Amino acid sequence: MADNQDPIFQIQRVYLKEASLEQPNSPAILLEQEQPTVDIQLGVNASPVADGVYEVTVTATVQTKIKDKTVFLVEASQAGIFELRNLPQEQMGPIMGIACPQIVYPYLRGNVADLIQRAGFPPVHLSEINFQAMYESQQQQQAAQPEATLPQ
């Protein structure tokens, strides 16, 4: 007989939540010979969906520019729905901030590269991310914030 208190960590679904591509300066910018600069921003968000069910979203923004003009801008959000039950409270943050994004991120990488390539550009491959280091850095920043706001 199964114990109802066994820890549960299950992936319910992984899906592309949002994707957009803009080429505001095409076609003129496509004739430029200069190499564009590439700026990549990543974010992770977790929110409850139902009792014991959470959505974890990894978002990427990729912008390439030549001088001050945008070549293309891609914004994409890849999400996963995870069932998390009977886990110690102190493990919930690391699971949603490290384990879940590690599962979702490879799908995001593929979708971003595919979208950019389908737009007619060489694919931009998002690098591997150490979500543990990212999570720990966010925790340290959050821990430091209350101290910074205290009057001297």
N, C-alpha and C. Protein backbone atom coordinates (compact mmCIF):
# COMPACT_ATOMS: atom_id res chain seq x y z
N MET A 1 0.84 -1.18 0.00
CA MET A 1 0.00 0.00 0.00
C MET A 1 0.89 1.25 0.00
N ALA A 2 0.57 2.20 -0.87
CA ALA A 2 1.37 3.41 -0.99
C ALA A 2 1.12 4.35 0.19
N ASP A 3 2.19 4.94 0.66
CA ASP A 3 2.09 5.92 1.74
C ASP A 3 1.74 7.27 1.11
N ASN A 4 0.68 7.90 1.57
CA ASN A 4 0.24 9.17 1.00
C ASN A 4 1.19 10.31 1.32
N GLN A 5 2.21 10.07 2.13
CA GLN A 5 3.17 11.12 2.48
C GLN A 5 4.47 11.00 1.70
N ASP A 6 4.51 10.10 0.71
CA ASP A 6 5.71 9.99 -0.12
C ASP A 6 5.92 11.28 -0.89
N PRO A 7 7.17 11.74 -1.00
CA PRO A 7 7.42 12.95 -1.79
C PRO A 7 7.06 12.71 -3.26
N ILE A 8 6.48 13.74 -3.88
CA ILE A 8 6.11 13.66 -5.30
C ILE A 8 6.75 14.84 -6.03
N PHE A 9 7.46 14.52 -7.10
CA PHE A 9 8.03 15.53 -8.01
C PHE A 9 7.78 15.00 -9.42
N GLN A 10 6.78 15.56 -10.09
CA GLN A 10 6.43 15.08 -11.42
C GLN A 10 6.28 16.25 -12.38
N ILE A 11 6.71 16.02 -13.61
CA ILE A 11 6.50 16.99 -14.67
C ILE A 11 5.13 16.69 -15.28
N GLN A 12 4.24 17.66 -15.26
CA GLN A 12 2.94 17.48 -15.88
C GLN A 12 2.99 17.84 -17.36
N ARG A 13 3.73 18.94 -17.67
CA ARG A 13 3.78 19.41 -19.06
C ARG A 13 4.87 20.46 -19.20
N VAL A 14 5.52 20.48 -20.36
CA VAL A 14 6.46 21.54 -20.72
C VAL A 14 5.93 22.15 -22.01
N TYR A 15 5.85 23.49 -22.06
CA TYR A 15 5.26 24.12 -23.23
C TYR A 15 5.85 25.51 -23.48
N LEU A 16 5.75 25.94 -24.74
CA LEU A 16 6.17 27.29 -25.12
C LEU A 16 5.03 28.22 -24.77
N LYS A 17 5.25 29.07 -23.79
CA LYS A 17 4.19 29.94 -23.29
C LYS A 17 4.02 31.19 -24.15
N GLU A 18 5.15 31.75 -24.61
CA GLU A 18 5.10 32.97 -25.39
C GLU A 18 6.36 33.07 -26.22
N ALA A 19 6.23 33.57 -27.45
CA ALA A 19 7.40 33.81 -28.29
C ALA A 19 7.09 34.97 -29.23
N SER A 20 8.03 35.88 -29.35
CA SER A 20 7.86 36.98 -30.30
C SER A 20 9.21 37.30 -30.94
N LEU A 21 9.13 37.75 -32.18
CA LEU A 21 10.32 38.15 -32.92
C LEU A 21 10.00 39.47 -33.61
N GLU A 22 10.89 40.42 -33.46
CA GLU A 22 10.73 41.71 -34.13
C GLU A 22 11.99 42.01 -34.92
N GLN A 23 11.78 42.54 -36.12
CA GLN A 23 12.87 43.04 -36.96
C GLN A 23 12.50 44.47 -37.38
N PRO A 24 12.57 45.42 -36.45
CA PRO A 24 12.03 46.75 -36.71
C PRO A 24 12.77 47.54 -37.80
N ASN A 25 14.01 47.20 -38.09
CA ASN A 25 14.78 47.97 -39.06
C ASN A 25 15.06 47.21 -40.35
N SER A 26 14.34 46.12 -40.57
CA SER A 26 14.50 45.37 -41.82
C SER A 26 13.70 46.05 -42.92
N PRO A 27 14.14 46.01 -44.14
CA PRO A 27 15.27 45.26 -44.67
C PRO A 27 16.59 46.03 -44.67
N ALA A 28 16.56 47.34 -44.44
CA ALA A 28 17.78 48.16 -44.57
C ALA A 28 18.92 47.64 -43.70
N ILE A 29 18.61 47.24 -42.46
CA ILE A 29 19.66 46.81 -41.54
C ILE A 29 20.35 45.53 -42.02
N LEU A 30 19.65 44.74 -42.84
CA LEU A 30 20.22 43.48 -43.33
C LEU A 30 21.36 43.71 -44.33
N LEU A 31 21.46 44.92 -44.85
CA LEU A 31 22.53 45.25 -45.79
C LEU A 31 23.80 45.72 -45.09
N GLU A 32 23.72 45.95 -43.80
CA GLU A 32 24.89 46.38 -43.02
C GLU A 32 25.94 45.27 -43.00
N GLN A 33 27.20 45.66 -43.08
CA GLN A 33 28.30 44.69 -43.06
C GLN A 33 28.88 44.48 -41.67
N GLU A 34 28.57 45.39 -40.77
CA GLU A 34 29.13 45.35 -39.42
C GLU A 34 28.54 44.18 -38.62
N GLN A 35 29.36 43.61 -37.74
CA GLN A 35 28.89 42.53 -36.86
C GLN A 35 28.00 43.12 -35.77
N PRO A 36 26.84 42.51 -35.53
CA PRO A 36 25.98 43.04 -34.48
C PRO A 36 26.47 42.63 -33.09
N THR A 37 26.07 43.42 -32.10
CA THR A 37 26.28 43.04 -30.71
C THR A 37 25.06 42.23 -30.26
N VAL A 38 25.28 41.31 -29.35
CA VAL A 38 24.20 40.45 -28.87
C VAL A 38 24.07 40.62 -27.36
N ASP A 39 22.85 40.89 -26.91
CA ASP A 39 22.56 41.01 -25.48
C ASP A 39 21.52 39.96 -25.13
N ILE A 40 21.82 39.15 -24.12
CA ILE A 40 20.92 38.07 -23.71
C ILE A 40 20.58 38.25 -22.23
N GLN A 41 19.29 38.28 -21.93
CA GLN A 41 18.81 38.38 -20.55
C GLN A 41 17.95 37.16 -20.25
N LEU A 42 18.14 36.58 -19.07
CA LEU A 42 17.35 35.41 -18.66
C LEU A 42 16.65 35.69 -17.33
N GLY A 43 15.51 35.07 -17.16
CA GLY A 43 14.79 35.19 -15.91
C GLY A 43 14.04 33.91 -15.59
N VAL A 44 13.78 33.69 -14.31
CA VAL A 44 13.03 32.51 -13.85
C VAL A 44 11.92 33.00 -12.94
N ASN A 45 10.73 32.44 -13.13
CA ASN A 45 9.60 32.79 -12.29
C ASN A 45 8.84 31.51 -11.94
N ALA A 46 8.38 31.41 -10.71
CA ALA A 46 7.58 30.26 -10.27
C ALA A 46 6.31 30.78 -9.61
N SER A 47 5.19 30.13 -9.93
CA SER A 47 3.93 30.55 -9.30
C SER A 47 3.03 29.33 -9.12
N PRO A 48 2.22 29.35 -8.06
CA PRO A 48 1.30 28.23 -7.84
C PRO A 48 0.16 28.26 -8.85
N VAL A 49 -0.25 27.06 -9.28
CA VAL A 49 -1.36 26.92 -10.22
C VAL A 49 -2.57 26.33 -9.49
N ALA A 50 -2.31 25.34 -8.67
CA ALA A 50 -3.33 24.67 -7.86
C ALA A 50 -2.61 24.10 -6.65
N ASP A 51 -3.33 23.43 -5.77
CA ASP A 51 -2.70 22.84 -4.59
C ASP A 51 -1.65 21.82 -5.01
N GLY A 52 -0.39 22.08 -4.70
CA GLY A 52 0.69 21.16 -5.01
C GLY A 52 1.12 21.18 -6.47
N VAL A 53 0.62 22.13 -7.26
CA VAL A 53 0.96 22.23 -8.68
C VAL A 53 1.49 23.64 -8.95
N TYR A 54 2.65 23.71 -9.62
CA TYR A 54 3.32 24.99 -9.85
C TYR A 54 3.72 25.13 -11.31
N GLU A 55 3.71 26.38 -11.76
CA GLU A 55 4.24 26.69 -13.09
C GLU A 55 5.58 27.37 -12.89
N VAL A 56 6.60 26.85 -13.57
CA VAL A 56 7.92 27.47 -13.55
C VAL A 56 8.21 27.92 -14.98
N THR A 57 8.52 29.22 -15.12
CA THR A 57 8.75 29.81 -16.44
C THR A 57 10.17 30.34 -16.52
N VAL A 58 10.85 30.00 -17.61
CA VAL A 58 12.17 30.55 -17.91
C VAL A 58 11.99 31.45 -19.13
N THR A 59 12.42 32.71 -18.99
CA THR A 59 12.24 33.69 -20.05
C THR A 59 13.60 34.14 -20.56
N ALA A 60 13.69 34.28 -21.89
CA ALA A 60 14.91 34.79 -22.52
C ALA A 60 14.55 35.96 -23.41
N THR A 61 15.40 36.99 -23.35
CA THR A 61 15.30 38.12 -24.26
C THR A 61 16.64 38.21 -24.98
N VAL A 62 16.61 38.11 -26.30
CA VAL A 62 17.83 38.18 -27.11
C VAL A 62 17.68 39.38 -28.04
N GLN A 63 18.58 40.34 -27.89
CA GLN A 63 18.54 41.51 -28.76
C GLN A 63 19.89 41.68 -29.44
N THR A 64 19.85 41.84 -30.77
CA THR A 64 21.06 42.13 -31.51
C THR A 64 20.93 43.53 -32.09
N LYS A 65 22.04 44.25 -32.06
CA LYS A 65 22.06 45.63 -32.55
C LYS A 65 23.30 45.88 -33.39
N ILE A 66 23.14 46.76 -34.35
CA ILE A 66 24.28 47.33 -35.07
C ILE A 66 24.21 48.82 -34.76
N LYS A 67 25.25 49.32 -34.13
CA LYS A 67 25.27 50.67 -33.57
C LYS A 67 24.09 50.80 -32.61
N ASP A 68 23.15 51.71 -32.89
CA ASP A 68 22.02 51.86 -31.97
C ASP A 68 20.73 51.31 -32.56
N LYS A 69 20.83 50.58 -33.67
CA LYS A 69 19.63 50.05 -34.33
C LYS A 69 19.49 48.55 -34.10
N THR A 70 18.28 48.15 -33.75
CA THR A 70 18.00 46.74 -33.50
C THR A 70 17.95 45.97 -34.81
N VAL A 71 18.70 44.85 -34.84
CA VAL A 71 18.62 43.93 -35.97
C VAL A 71 17.41 43.02 -35.75
N PHE A 72 17.41 42.35 -34.59
CA PHE A 72 16.22 41.59 -34.19
C PHE A 72 16.13 41.51 -32.68
N LEU A 73 14.91 41.31 -32.22
CA LEU A 73 14.62 41.16 -30.80
C LEU A 73 13.73 39.93 -30.65
N VAL A 74 14.18 38.97 -29.86
CA VAL A 74 13.39 37.77 -29.59
C VAL A 74 13.10 37.73 -28.10
N GLU A 75 11.84 37.52 -27.77
CA GLU A 75 11.43 37.30 -26.39
C GLU A 75 10.66 35.99 -26.37
N ALA A 76 11.08 35.09 -25.50
CA ALA A 76 10.43 33.78 -25.43
C ALA A 76 10.34 33.32 -23.98
N SER A 77 9.22 32.69 -23.67
CA SER A 77 9.00 32.11 -22.34
C SER A 77 8.62 30.65 -22.50
N GLN A 78 9.39 29.80 -21.87
CA GLN A 78 9.14 28.37 -21.86
C GLN A 78 8.71 28.02 -20.45
N ALA A 79 7.64 27.27 -20.33
CA ALA A 79 7.11 26.97 -19.00
C ALA A 79 6.95 25.48 -18.80
N GLY A 80 6.89 25.11 -17.54
CA GLY A 80 6.61 23.73 -17.16
C GLY A 80 5.63 23.73 -16.01
N ILE A 81 4.77 22.75 -16.01
CA ILE A 81 3.86 22.56 -14.88
C ILE A 81 4.37 21.36 -14.12
N PHE A 82 4.60 21.55 -12.83
CA PHE A 82 5.20 20.53 -11.98
C PHE A 82 4.30 20.25 -10.78
N GLU A 83 4.18 18.97 -10.46
CA GLU A 83 3.47 18.59 -9.24
C GLU A 83 4.52 18.34 -8.17
N LEU A 84 4.40 19.09 -7.08
CA LEU A 84 5.34 19.00 -5.96
C LEU A 84 4.53 18.82 -4.69
N ARG A 85 4.63 17.63 -4.10
CA ARG A 85 3.85 17.36 -2.89
C ARG A 85 4.73 16.65 -1.85
N ASN A 86 4.41 16.91 -0.60
CA ASN A 86 5.05 16.23 0.54
C ASN A 86 6.56 16.43 0.56
N LEU A 87 6.99 17.60 0.14
CA LEU A 87 8.42 17.93 0.18
C LEU A 87 8.65 18.90 1.32
N PRO A 88 9.78 18.80 2.01
CA PRO A 88 10.08 19.76 3.07
C PRO A 88 10.09 21.18 2.52
N GLN A 89 9.54 22.12 3.27
CA GLN A 89 9.42 23.51 2.81
C GLN A 89 10.77 24.09 2.38
N GLU A 90 11.84 23.73 3.08
CA GLU A 90 13.16 24.29 2.74
C GLU A 90 13.68 23.78 1.40
N GLN A 91 13.08 22.71 0.85
CA GLN A 91 13.49 22.20 -0.47
C GLN A 91 12.69 22.82 -1.61
N MET A 92 11.57 23.45 -1.30
CA MET A 92 10.69 23.98 -2.36
C MET A 92 11.38 25.07 -3.18
N GLY A 93 12.06 26.00 -2.54
CA GLY A 93 12.75 27.08 -3.26
C GLY A 93 13.80 26.54 -4.21
N PRO A 94 14.73 25.70 -3.71
CA PRO A 94 15.73 25.15 -4.62
C PRO A 94 15.14 24.30 -5.74
N ILE A 95 14.09 23.56 -5.47
CA ILE A 95 13.49 22.74 -6.53
C ILE A 95 12.90 23.63 -7.62
N MET A 96 12.16 24.67 -7.21
CA MET A 96 11.54 25.55 -8.21
C MET A 96 12.53 26.55 -8.82
N GLY A 97 13.64 26.81 -8.14
CA GLY A 97 14.62 27.75 -8.65
C GLY A 97 15.80 27.11 -9.36
N ILE A 98 15.98 25.79 -9.17
CA ILE A 98 17.13 25.11 -9.78
C ILE A 98 16.67 23.92 -10.63
N ALA A 99 16.02 22.93 -9.99
CA ALA A 99 15.67 21.69 -10.68
C ALA A 99 14.67 21.91 -11.82
N CYS A 100 13.60 22.64 -11.56
CA CYS A 100 12.58 22.87 -12.59
C CYS A 100 13.13 23.68 -13.77
N PRO A 101 13.84 24.80 -13.54
CA PRO A 101 14.40 25.52 -14.68
C PRO A 101 15.38 24.68 -15.51
N GLN A 102 16.13 23.78 -14.85
CA GLN A 102 17.05 22.92 -15.59
C GLN A 102 16.30 21.99 -16.54
N ILE A 103 15.09 21.62 -16.20
CA ILE A 103 14.26 20.77 -17.07
C ILE A 103 13.69 21.58 -18.22
N VAL A 104 13.24 22.80 -17.95
CA VAL A 104 12.56 23.64 -18.94
C VAL A 104 13.54 24.29 -19.93
N TYR A 105 14.72 24.69 -19.45
CA TYR A 105 15.66 25.50 -20.23
C TYR A 105 16.09 24.89 -21.56
N PRO A 106 16.37 23.60 -21.67
CA PRO A 106 16.76 23.06 -22.98
C PRO A 106 15.70 23.27 -24.07
N TYR A 107 14.44 23.22 -23.68
CA TYR A 107 13.36 23.48 -24.64
C TYR A 107 13.41 24.94 -25.09
N LEU A 108 13.64 25.85 -24.15
CA LEU A 108 13.75 27.27 -24.47
C LEU A 108 14.91 27.52 -25.42
N ARG A 109 16.05 26.92 -25.13
CA ARG A 109 17.23 27.08 -25.99
C ARG A 109 16.92 26.68 -27.43
N GLY A 110 16.28 25.53 -27.59
CA GLY A 110 15.93 25.04 -28.92
C GLY A 110 14.94 25.95 -29.63
N ASN A 111 13.93 26.41 -28.92
CA ASN A 111 12.92 27.27 -29.53
C ASN A 111 13.49 28.62 -29.94
N VAL A 112 14.36 29.20 -29.11
CA VAL A 112 14.97 30.49 -29.45
C VAL A 112 15.87 30.34 -30.68
N ALA A 113 16.72 29.33 -30.70
CA ALA A 113 17.60 29.11 -31.85
C ALA A 113 16.78 28.88 -33.12
N ASP A 114 15.71 28.11 -33.02
CA ASP A 114 14.86 27.81 -34.18
C ASP A 114 14.17 29.08 -34.68
N LEU A 115 13.64 29.87 -33.78
CA LEU A 115 12.94 31.09 -34.16
C LEU A 115 13.87 32.06 -34.88
N ILE A 116 15.08 32.23 -34.36
CA ILE A 116 16.05 33.14 -34.97
C ILE A 116 16.46 32.62 -36.34
N GLN A 117 16.68 31.32 -36.46
CA GLN A 117 17.08 30.74 -37.74
C GLN A 117 15.95 30.85 -38.77
N ARG A 118 14.72 30.62 -38.34
CA ARG A 118 13.57 30.74 -39.26
C ARG A 118 13.37 32.18 -39.73
N ALA A 119 13.88 33.15 -38.95
CA ALA A 119 13.80 34.56 -39.34
C ALA A 119 14.87 34.92 -40.36
N GLY A 120 15.75 33.97 -40.67
CA GLY A 120 16.76 34.20 -41.69
C GLY A 120 18.13 34.58 -41.16
N PHE A 121 18.33 34.40 -39.87
CA PHE A 121 19.62 34.74 -39.26
C PHE A 121 20.34 33.48 -38.83
N PRO A 122 21.67 33.56 -38.67
CA PRO A 122 22.37 32.42 -38.07
C PRO A 122 21.82 32.22 -36.66
N PRO A 123 21.64 30.98 -36.22
CA PRO A 123 21.05 30.75 -34.90
C PRO A 123 21.95 31.29 -33.78
N VAL A 124 21.30 31.82 -32.77
CA VAL A 124 21.99 32.24 -31.55
C VAL A 124 21.72 31.13 -30.55
N HIS A 125 22.77 30.47 -30.11
CA HIS A 125 22.61 29.37 -29.15
C HIS A 125 22.85 29.91 -27.75
N LEU A 126 21.81 29.84 -26.93
CA LEU A 126 21.95 30.26 -25.54
C LEU A 126 22.90 29.30 -24.85
N SER A 127 23.80 29.83 -24.06
CA SER A 127 24.78 28.97 -23.39
C SER A 127 24.12 28.21 -22.24
N GLU A 128 24.81 27.18 -21.79
CA GLU A 128 24.34 26.43 -20.62
C GLU A 128 24.32 27.38 -19.42
N ILE A 129 23.36 27.18 -18.55
CA ILE A 129 23.22 28.04 -17.38
C ILE A 129 23.36 27.20 -16.12
N ASN A 130 24.12 27.72 -15.16
CA ASN A 130 24.22 27.08 -13.86
C ASN A 130 23.11 27.68 -12.99
N PHE A 131 21.94 27.02 -12.99
CA PHE A 131 20.81 27.55 -12.26
C PHE A 131 21.04 27.55 -10.76
N GLN A 132 21.91 26.66 -10.27
CA GLN A 132 22.21 26.67 -8.84
C GLN A 132 22.93 27.96 -8.46
N ALA A 133 23.93 28.34 -9.25
CA ALA A 133 24.65 29.59 -8.97
C ALA A 133 23.72 30.79 -9.12
N MET A 134 22.85 30.76 -10.12
CA MET A 134 21.90 31.85 -10.34
C MET A 134 20.94 31.97 -9.15
N TYR A 135 20.44 30.84 -8.68
CA TYR A 135 19.52 30.81 -7.54
C TYR A 135 20.21 31.32 -6.28
N GLU A 136 21.43 30.84 -6.03
CA GLU A 136 22.16 31.26 -4.83
C GLU A 136 22.47 32.75 -4.87
N SER A 137 22.79 33.27 -6.04
CA SER A 137 23.04 34.70 -6.19
C SER A 137 21.79 35.51 -5.88
N GLN A 138 20.63 35.04 -6.37
CA GLN A 138 19.37 35.73 -6.09
C GLN A 138 19.06 35.69 -4.60
N GLN A 139 19.33 34.56 -3.95
CA GLN A 139 19.07 34.45 -2.52
C GLN A 139 19.96 35.40 -1.74
N GLN A 140 21.22 35.53 -2.14
CA GLN A 140 22.13 36.46 -1.46
C GLN A 140 21.68 37.90 -1.66
N GLN A 141 21.22 38.24 -2.86
CA GLN A 141 20.73 39.61 -3.12
C GLN A 141 19.50 39.91 -2.27
N GLN A 142 18.59 38.95 -2.18
CA GLN A 142 17.38 39.14 -1.38
C GLN A 142 17.73 39.28 0.10
N ALA A 143 18.70 38.51 0.57
CA ALA A 143 19.11 38.57 1.97
C ALA A 143 19.77 39.92 2.28
N ALA A 144 20.46 40.49 1.31
CA ALA A 144 21.16 41.76 1.52
C ALA A 144 20.23 42.96 1.43
N GLN A 145 19.10 42.84 0.76
CA GLN A 145 18.21 43.98 0.56
C GLN A 145 17.69 44.60 1.86
N PRO A 146 17.17 43.84 2.82
CA PRO A 146 16.67 44.48 4.05
C PRO A 146 17.75 45.27 4.78
N GLU A 147 18.98 44.74 4.77
CA GLU A 147 20.08 45.44 5.43
C GLU A 147 20.35 46.77 4.75
N ALA A 148 20.23 46.80 3.44
CA ALA A 148 20.55 48.02 2.69
C ALA A 148 19.52 49.11 2.94
N THR A 149 18.29 48.73 3.33
CA THR A 149 17.25 49.74 3.50
C THR A 149 17.16 50.24 4.94
N LEU A 150 17.90 49.65 5.86
CA LEU A 150 17.88 50.10 7.24
C LEU A 150 18.58 51.45 7.38
N PRO A 151 18.02 52.36 8.18
CA PRO A 151 18.70 53.65 8.38
C PRO A 151 20.01 53.45 9.14
N GLN A 152 20.97 54.28 8.82
CA GLN A 152 22.30 54.20 9.45
C GLN A 152 22.31 54.89 10.77
